Protein backbone atom coordinates (compact mmCIF):
# COMPACT_ATOMS: atom_id res chain seq x y z
CA UNK A 1 0.00 0.00 0.00
CA UNK A 2 0.96 3.67 -0.07
CA UNK A 3 1.51 6.74 2.00
CA UNK A 4 4.28 9.25 2.40
CA UNK A 5 5.24 12.77 3.46
CA UNK A 6 8.00 15.08 4.59
CA UNK A 7 7.35 17.56 7.35
CA UNK A 8 7.65 21.33 7.44
CA UNK A 9 9.46 22.51 10.53
CA UNK A 10 7.17 24.79 12.57
CA UNK A 11 9.23 24.41 15.77
CA UNK A 12 8.98 21.59 18.24
CA UNK A 13 5.53 22.39 19.57
CA UNK A 14 3.22 25.18 18.43
CA UNK A 15 0.48 27.03 20.30
CA UNK A 16 -2.28 28.86 18.52
CA UNK A 17 -5.41 30.33 19.98
CA UNK A 18 -8.09 29.54 17.43
CA UNK A 19 -10.89 31.05 19.47
CA UNK A 20 -12.57 32.58 16.44
CA UNK A 21 -13.01 30.47 13.34
CA UNK A 22 -10.77 27.55 12.49
CA UNK A 23 -7.62 28.91 10.91
CA UNK A 24 -9.24 32.28 10.33
CA UNK A 25 -8.61 35.48 12.29
CA UNK A 26 -6.73 33.60 15.00
CA UNK A 27 -3.82 34.77 17.09
CA UNK A 28 -0.63 32.76 17.43
CA UNK A 29 1.44 32.75 20.58
CA UNK A 30 4.81 31.14 21.28
CA UNK A 31 6.03 29.90 24.64
CA UNK A 32 8.73 32.41 25.59
CA UNK A 33 12.25 31.12 26.04
CA UNK A 34 11.57 27.49 25.14
CA UNK A 35 11.48 27.44 21.34
CA UNK A 36 8.48 25.12 21.74
CA UNK A 37 5.05 26.01 20.47
CA UNK A 38 1.54 24.59 20.83
CA UNK A 39 -1.46 25.08 18.61
CA UNK A 40 -4.87 25.43 20.11
CA UNK A 41 -8.36 25.49 18.62
CA UNK A 42 -10.93 25.67 21.40
CA UNK A 43 -10.30 22.40 23.30
CA UNK A 44 -7.88 21.07 20.69
CA UNK A 45 -4.11 21.11 21.13
CA UNK A 46 -1.52 19.99 18.61
CA UNK A 47 1.70 18.79 20.20
CA UNK A 48 4.78 17.80 18.30
CA UNK A 49 6.15 14.43 19.47
CA UNK A 50 9.24 14.39 17.27
CA UNK A 51 10.33 15.81 13.94
CA UNK A 52 7.80 13.76 11.96
CA UNK A 53 5.00 12.99 14.45
CA UNK A 54 2.26 15.06 16.07
CA UNK A 55 -0.53 14.23 18.48
CA UNK A 56 -3.77 16.19 18.39
CA UNK A 57 -5.59 16.31 21.72
CA UNK A 58 -9.32 16.82 21.20
CA UNK A 59 -11.38 16.92 24.40
CA UNK A 60 -10.12 13.66 25.86
CA UNK A 61 -9.48 11.93 22.53
CA UNK A 62 -6.14 11.82 20.75
CA UNK A 63 -5.34 11.40 17.08
CA UNK A 64 -2.05 11.52 15.22
CA UNK A 65 -0.30 12.91 12.18
CA UNK A 66 2.76 11.03 10.96
CA UNK A 67 4.96 11.97 8.03
CA UNK A 68 7.29 9.94 5.88
CA UNK A 69 9.19 11.06 2.81
CA UNK A 70 6.30 11.42 0.36
CA UNK A 71 2.96 11.70 2.15
CA UNK A 72 1.38 12.20 5.56
CA UNK A 73 -0.76 9.72 7.44
CA UNK A 74 -3.58 11.03 9.64
CA UNK A 75 -4.61 8.39 12.17
CA UNK A 76 -8.25 9.08 13.14
CA UNK A 77 -9.98 12.42 12.68
CA UNK A 78 -11.21 13.67 16.02
CA UNK A 79 -14.17 13.89 18.34
CA UNK A 80 -15.51 17.46 18.39
CA UNK A 81 -13.88 19.00 15.34
CA UNK A 82 -14.54 18.45 11.66
CA UNK A 83 -11.38 20.14 10.39
CA UNK A 84 -8.78 17.47 11.14
CA UNK A 85 -7.74 17.58 7.50
CA UNK A 86 -7.11 21.33 7.65
CA UNK A 87 -5.08 20.92 10.81
CA UNK A 88 -2.98 18.21 9.17
CA UNK A 89 -2.46 20.25 6.00
CA UNK A 90 -1.27 23.18 8.11
CA UNK A 91 1.54 20.96 9.40
CA UNK A 92 2.69 19.42 6.12
CA UNK A 93 2.71 20.55 2.50
CA UNK A 94 2.26 17.03 1.15
CA UNK A 95 -0.91 14.98 0.57
CA UNK A 96 -2.66 13.74 3.68
CA UNK A 97 -4.21 10.28 3.78
CA UNK A 98 -6.56 9.07 6.52
CA UNK A 99 -6.72 5.73 8.34
CA UNK A 100 -9.14 4.99 11.18
CA UNK A 101 -8.25 2.77 14.10
CA UNK A 102 -12.00 2.17 14.46
CA UNK A 103 -15.27 3.98 13.83
CA UNK A 104 -16.66 5.07 17.18
CA UNK A 105 -17.95 8.62 16.87
CA UNK A 106 -15.07 10.19 18.80
CA UNK A 107 -12.59 9.01 16.15
CA UNK A 108 -14.33 9.93 12.89
CA UNK A 109 -15.61 13.51 13.29
CA UNK A 110 -13.41 14.78 10.45
CA UNK A 111 -13.86 11.86 8.05
CA UNK A 112 -16.34 13.87 6.00
CA UNK A 113 -13.51 16.01 4.60
CA UNK A 114 -12.03 12.92 2.91
CA UNK A 115 -13.62 11.19 -0.08
CA UNK A 116 -11.96 7.92 0.93
CA UNK A 117 -10.07 6.57 3.93
CA UNK A 118 -8.56 3.33 5.17
CA UNK A 119 -10.50 1.18 7.64
CA UNK A 120 -10.87 -2.49 8.47
CA UNK A 121 -13.95 -3.81 6.61
CA UNK A 122 -15.38 -5.35 9.80
CA UNK A 123 -15.78 -1.79 11.07
CA UNK A 124 -18.14 -0.62 8.31
CA UNK A 125 -21.41 -1.39 10.18
CA UNK A 126 -20.14 0.73 13.06
CA UNK A 127 -19.07 3.54 10.74
CA UNK A 128 -22.32 3.65 8.76
CA UNK A 129 -24.43 4.32 11.85
CA UNK A 130 -25.84 7.80 11.48
CA UNK A 131 -25.56 7.68 7.69
CA UNK A 132 -21.87 8.53 7.60
CA UNK A 133 -20.52 8.96 4.09
CA UNK A 134 -17.26 8.23 2.31
CA UNK A 135 -15.54 5.34 0.57
CA UNK A 136 -13.89 2.79 2.83
CA UNK A 137 -10.60 1.49 1.46
CA UNK A 138 -10.28 -1.90 3.19
CA UNK A 139 -7.17 -2.78 5.16
CA UNK A 140 -6.52 -6.05 6.94
CA UNK A 141 -3.94 -7.51 9.24
CA UNK A 142 -0.56 -7.76 7.57
CA UNK A 143 -1.16 -4.83 5.22
CA UNK A 144 1.51 -2.14 5.36
CA UNK A 145 0.77 1.56 4.98
CA UNK A 146 4.00 3.33 4.09
CA UNK A 147 4.22 7.13 3.94
CA UNK A 148 7.74 6.72 2.63
CA UNK A 149 10.51 5.18 4.69
CA UNK A 150 8.11 4.58 7.58
CA UNK A 151 6.21 1.30 7.14
CA UNK A 152 3.15 0.94 9.36
CA UNK A 153 1.96 -2.64 9.84
CA UNK A 154 -1.76 -3.23 10.41
CA UNK A 155 -2.66 -5.46 13.38
CA UNK A 156 -6.31 -6.48 13.80
CA UNK A 157 -7.51 -6.16 17.43
CA UNK A 158 -11.25 -6.95 17.59
CA UNK A 159 -13.12 -6.70 20.87
CA UNK A 160 -13.57 -3.03 21.61
CA UNK A 161 -15.12 -2.98 18.14
CA UNK A 162 -15.06 -5.70 15.44
CA UNK A 163 -12.70 -3.81 13.15
CA UNK A 164 -10.37 -2.14 15.65
CA UNK A 165 -6.77 -2.04 14.47
CA UNK A 166 -3.39 -0.99 15.79
CA UNK A 167 -0.54 0.28 13.63
CA UNK A 168 3.02 -0.80 14.30
CA UNK A 169 5.55 1.88 13.37
CA UNK A 170 8.45 -0.49 12.85
CA UNK A 171 11.13 2.11 12.27
CA UNK A 172 10.34 4.05 15.45
CA UNK A 173 9.35 0.99 17.53
CA UNK A 174 5.96 2.46 18.43
CA UNK A 175 2.53 0.80 18.54
CA UNK A 176 -0.37 3.17 17.83
CA UNK A 177 -3.11 1.28 19.60
CA UNK A 178 -6.43 3.07 19.21
CA UNK A 179 -8.70 2.37 22.19
CA UNK A 180 -7.92 -1.22 23.27
CA UNK A 181 -4.62 -0.44 25.01
CA UNK A 182 -4.74 2.52 27.39
CA UNK A 183 -4.74 3.27 31.11
CA UNK A 184 -8.08 5.09 31.05
CA UNK A 185 -11.69 3.92 30.79
CA UNK A 186 -12.16 1.28 28.10
CA UNK A 187 -15.72 1.12 26.77
CA UNK A 188 -16.94 -2.49 26.65
CA UNK A 189 -20.69 -1.86 26.90
CA UNK A 190 -23.30 -1.75 24.19
CA UNK A 191 -23.36 -2.82 20.58
CA UNK A 192 -20.17 -4.06 18.88
CA UNK A 193 -18.27 -4.82 22.13
CA UNK A 194 -17.02 -8.35 22.80
CA UNK A 195 -14.89 -9.12 25.86
CA UNK A 196 -13.76 -12.63 24.80
CA UNK A 197 -12.56 -11.19 21.48
CA UNK A 198 -10.79 -8.41 23.34
CA UNK A 199 -8.91 -10.90 25.50
CA UNK A 200 -7.93 -12.94 22.44
CA UNK A 201 -6.66 -9.76 20.76
CA UNK A 202 -4.37 -9.01 23.70
CA UNK A 203 -3.07 -12.57 23.50
CA UNK A 204 -2.60 -12.13 19.76
CA UNK A 205 -0.35 -9.13 20.40
CA UNK A 206 2.20 -11.41 22.04
CA UNK A 207 3.33 -12.28 18.51
CA UNK A 208 4.86 -8.78 18.36
CA UNK A 209 6.64 -8.92 21.73
CA UNK A 210 9.88 -6.97 21.63
CA UNK A 211 9.00 -5.04 18.46
CA UNK A 212 7.86 -1.81 20.13
CA UNK A 213 9.04 0.20 23.11
CA UNK A 214 6.14 2.66 23.46
CA UNK A 215 2.39 2.57 22.91
CA UNK A 216 0.57 5.69 21.73
CA UNK A 217 -3.10 5.27 22.76
CA UNK A 218 -6.12 7.33 21.77
CA UNK A 219 -7.10 8.19 25.35
CA UNK A 220 -5.62 8.82 28.80
CA UNK A 221 -1.85 8.82 29.44
CA UNK A 222 0.67 9.34 26.67
CA UNK A 223 2.69 7.28 26.12
CA UNK A 224 2.10 3.96 27.85
CA UNK A 225 4.36 0.93 27.77
CA UNK A 226 4.17 -2.72 26.74
CA UNK A 227 3.81 -4.10 30.28
CA UNK A 228 0.29 -2.63 30.31
CA UNK A 229 -0.87 -5.24 27.77
CA UNK A 230 -0.63 -8.19 30.17
CA UNK A 231 -2.23 -6.15 32.97
CA UNK A 232 -5.18 -5.42 30.69
CA UNK A 233 -5.36 -9.06 29.65
CA UNK A 234 -5.46 -10.33 33.23
CA UNK A 235 -7.89 -7.62 34.27
CA UNK A 236 -10.26 -8.33 31.38
CA UNK A 237 -10.12 -12.04 32.21
CA UNK A 238 -11.02 -11.26 35.81
CA UNK A 239 -14.01 -9.23 34.62
CA UNK A 240 -15.12 -12.04 32.32
CA UNK A 241 -14.79 -14.83 34.91
CA UNK A 242 -16.50 -12.80 37.64
CA UNK A 243 -13.58 -12.39 40.04
CA UNK A 244 -13.32 -8.61 39.54
CA UNK A 245 -15.62 -6.37 41.54
CA UNK A 246 -17.60 -3.73 39.66
CA UNK A 247 -19.92 -0.95 40.67
CA UNK A 248 -23.03 0.32 38.91
CA UNK A 249 -22.87 3.63 37.10
CA UNK A 250 -24.09 5.67 34.17
CA UNK A 251 -22.34 7.32 31.25
CA UNK A 252 -23.90 9.22 28.35
CA UNK A 253 -27.31 7.95 29.47
CA UNK A 254 -26.21 4.31 29.47
CA UNK A 255 -26.36 2.13 32.55
CA UNK A 256 -23.04 0.38 33.03
CA UNK A 257 -20.94 -1.60 35.49
CA UNK A 258 -17.48 -0.12 35.97
CA UNK A 259 -14.53 -2.28 36.93
CA UNK A 260 -11.78 0.04 38.14
CA UNK A 261 -8.63 -2.07 38.33
CA UNK A 262 -6.25 0.74 39.26
CA UNK A 263 -4.20 0.63 36.07
CA UNK A 264 -7.31 1.04 33.85
CA UNK A 265 -11.08 0.61 34.04
CA UNK A 266 -13.51 -1.45 31.97
CA UNK A 267 -16.98 -0.04 31.44
CA UNK A 268 -19.26 -3.01 30.77
CA UNK A 269 -22.93 -3.83 30.37
CA UNK A 270 -24.71 -3.91 33.76
């Protein structure tokens, strides 16, 4: 498969106050004395990770822009904003391609600005809820998306959703995990969730042991580290076999049972 991009150097981290309209009539400020900048649009911050990687923090959800030598790869498109493409194109002069780790609503807000995007085909029923448009370019485990000198291997991780994927950045030894691997609250309630599949996916990841040093999740702490995977596996197994203790709760109008395990929490059907 394809993908590629070189980056334009805007400084290590940029800060903009986009309190008016996106990219229009906004003021830019730079952190004095650090040479680092942040960009801000309402509740959105763009933080440079390294010379060819950015994370975009959007009201508790994180998506990424990665560049290679020929194109840029946008991984997910946000929760509350629909201008993820404009943000990406402000950071690189080269074509931006989109891949979705999965299709929950907090990861696809900006998909409408792309005619086509990469997604696992098992995720299409989730994506099409709410009459979402666009052409899905199917990707499956073992496919490689390469923005040029930066191959990204697709790993299928069903459970949180049927078509959830992670992307292994081989060159930089980073796993971009989407939602399944994080130290926050992992949604496992409602349609499309499957705890046995989730546990099997974490077991499946053992095939890549030693191939990444950091994990870049879509929520909560950044980064996290590979030892979290086995903790999540054992915790999810405890939830499934009934040995974990949960408490009733509610989120977004849904009744749930929350299993707070200290290192992460699973939000499950009551």
